[in-house]
Amino acid sequence: MLKLDLTAGQKLALSGLFAEVEDGNSRGIGSAIVAQVWPDGMVCKRVYGKAGAALAKALGGTWKKSISSAEERVAKSVKTPEVAP
C-alpha cells in the first residue's frame, strides 16, 4: 500500500467529490472516492454499493466500517493478496 499526499490544488479539485462522500455517508449510503492514476494525472469517481464494497475488500478493509483518512487506512492496513478478475 502506498500513501500519497494531495496538493492544495488537488484537494480543491476533489472538493466536490469529498462533499458527495460526506453527504452520502451522513445519510447512511457508504461512499468512497476511487482514482486511476497515470504519470500525467488521474481520473476520480465516487463509488458506493457493490463497487464500494469491492474496493474496501481489495484494500483490506470492511465496507461497513468508515475510514476517514489515508493515515488511518495505512495504520489499519493488513496484507491482502492481489485480486485478479
Protein backbone atom coordinates (compact mmCIF):
# COMPACT_ATOMS: atom_id res chain seq x y z
CA MET A 1 0.00 0.00 0.00
CA LEU A 2 1.25 3.46 -0.83
CA LYS A 3 0.10 6.74 0.71
CA LEU A 4 0.43 9.90 -1.37
CA ASP A 5 -0.28 13.37 -0.04
CA LEU A 6 -2.57 15.61 -2.07
CA THR A 7 -1.54 19.11 -3.03
CA ALA A 8 -3.77 22.04 -2.11
CA GLY A 9 -4.83 22.23 -5.77
CA GLN A 10 -5.77 18.55 -5.87
CA LYS A 11 -7.78 18.92 -2.66
CA LEU A 12 -9.64 21.84 -4.21
CA ALA A 13 -10.25 19.94 -7.45
CA LEU A 14 -11.61 16.98 -5.45
CA SER A 15 -13.73 19.08 -3.06
CA GLY A 16 -16.96 18.25 -4.90
CA LEU A 17 -16.33 14.53 -4.59
CA PHE A 18 -15.37 14.92 -0.92
CA ALA A 19 -18.70 16.70 -0.34
CA GLU A 20 -20.63 13.92 -2.15
CA VAL A 21 -18.95 11.27 0.01
CA GLU A 22 -19.60 13.19 3.22
CA ASP A 23 -23.25 13.68 2.25
CA GLY A 24 -23.71 10.03 1.30
CA ASN A 25 -22.04 8.78 4.46
CA SER A 26 -24.13 11.12 6.63
CA ARG A 27 -27.27 9.61 5.04
CA GLY A 28 -26.08 6.03 5.59
CA ILE A 29 -25.01 5.47 1.99
CA GLY A 30 -21.42 4.27 2.28
CA SER A 31 -19.32 6.13 -0.26
CA ALA A 32 -15.69 6.36 -1.32
CA ILE A 33 -13.61 8.09 -3.97
CA VAL A 34 -11.65 5.89 -6.33
CA ALA A 35 -8.91 7.01 -8.68
CA GLN A 36 -6.99 5.54 -11.54
CA VAL A 37 -3.57 7.17 -11.63
CA TRP A 38 -1.17 7.66 -14.56
CA PRO A 39 2.04 9.68 -14.89
CA ASP A 40 0.08 12.54 -16.49
CA GLY A 41 -2.80 12.68 -13.99
CA MET A 42 -5.69 10.75 -12.56
CA VAL A 43 -9.40 10.23 -13.01
CA CYS A 44 -11.57 10.09 -9.90
CA LYS A 45 -15.12 8.99 -9.20
CA ARG A 46 -17.40 8.46 -6.20
CA VAL A 47 -18.49 4.86 -5.72
CA TYR A 48 -20.98 3.20 -3.40
CA GLY A 49 -22.82 -0.09 -3.07
CA LYS A 50 -21.19 -3.18 -4.58
CA ALA A 51 -18.35 -1.19 -6.19
CA GLY A 52 -17.52 0.43 -2.85
CA ALA A 53 -17.62 -2.92 -1.05
CA ALA A 54 -15.26 -4.44 -3.63
CA LEU A 55 -12.87 -1.52 -3.23
CA ALA A 56 -12.86 -1.83 0.56
CA LYS A 57 -12.15 -5.55 0.29
CA ALA A 58 -9.32 -5.01 -2.21
CA LEU A 59 -7.71 -2.54 0.22
CA GLY A 60 -8.06 -4.92 3.16
CA GLY A 61 -10.96 -3.12 4.79
CA THR A 62 -14.61 -3.64 5.52
CA TRP A 63 -17.28 -1.58 3.75
CA LYS A 64 -19.38 -1.24 6.92
CA LYS A 65 -16.51 0.44 8.81
CA SER A 66 -15.69 4.03 7.87
CA ILE A 67 -12.08 5.14 7.42
CA SER A 68 -11.76 8.92 7.36
CA SER A 69 -8.16 9.45 6.26
CA ALA A 70 -5.26 7.90 4.35
CA GLU A 71 -3.20 7.96 7.55
CA GLU A 72 -5.87 5.90 9.33
CA ARG A 73 -6.17 3.46 6.39
CA VAL A 74 -2.40 2.83 6.33
CA ALA A 75 -2.33 2.34 10.10
CA LYS A 76 -5.13 -0.24 9.88
CA SER A 77 -3.88 -1.94 6.73
CA VAL A 78 -3.42 -5.67 6.57
CA LYS A 79 -1.66 -7.74 3.97
CA THR A 80 -4.15 -8.77 1.32
CA PRO A 81 -3.48 -10.97 -1.69
CA GLU A 82 -3.69 -9.38 -5.12
CA VAL A 83 -7.16 -9.92 -6.53
CA ALA A 84 -7.47 -10.71 -10.21
CA PRO A 85 -10.79 -10.55 -12.06
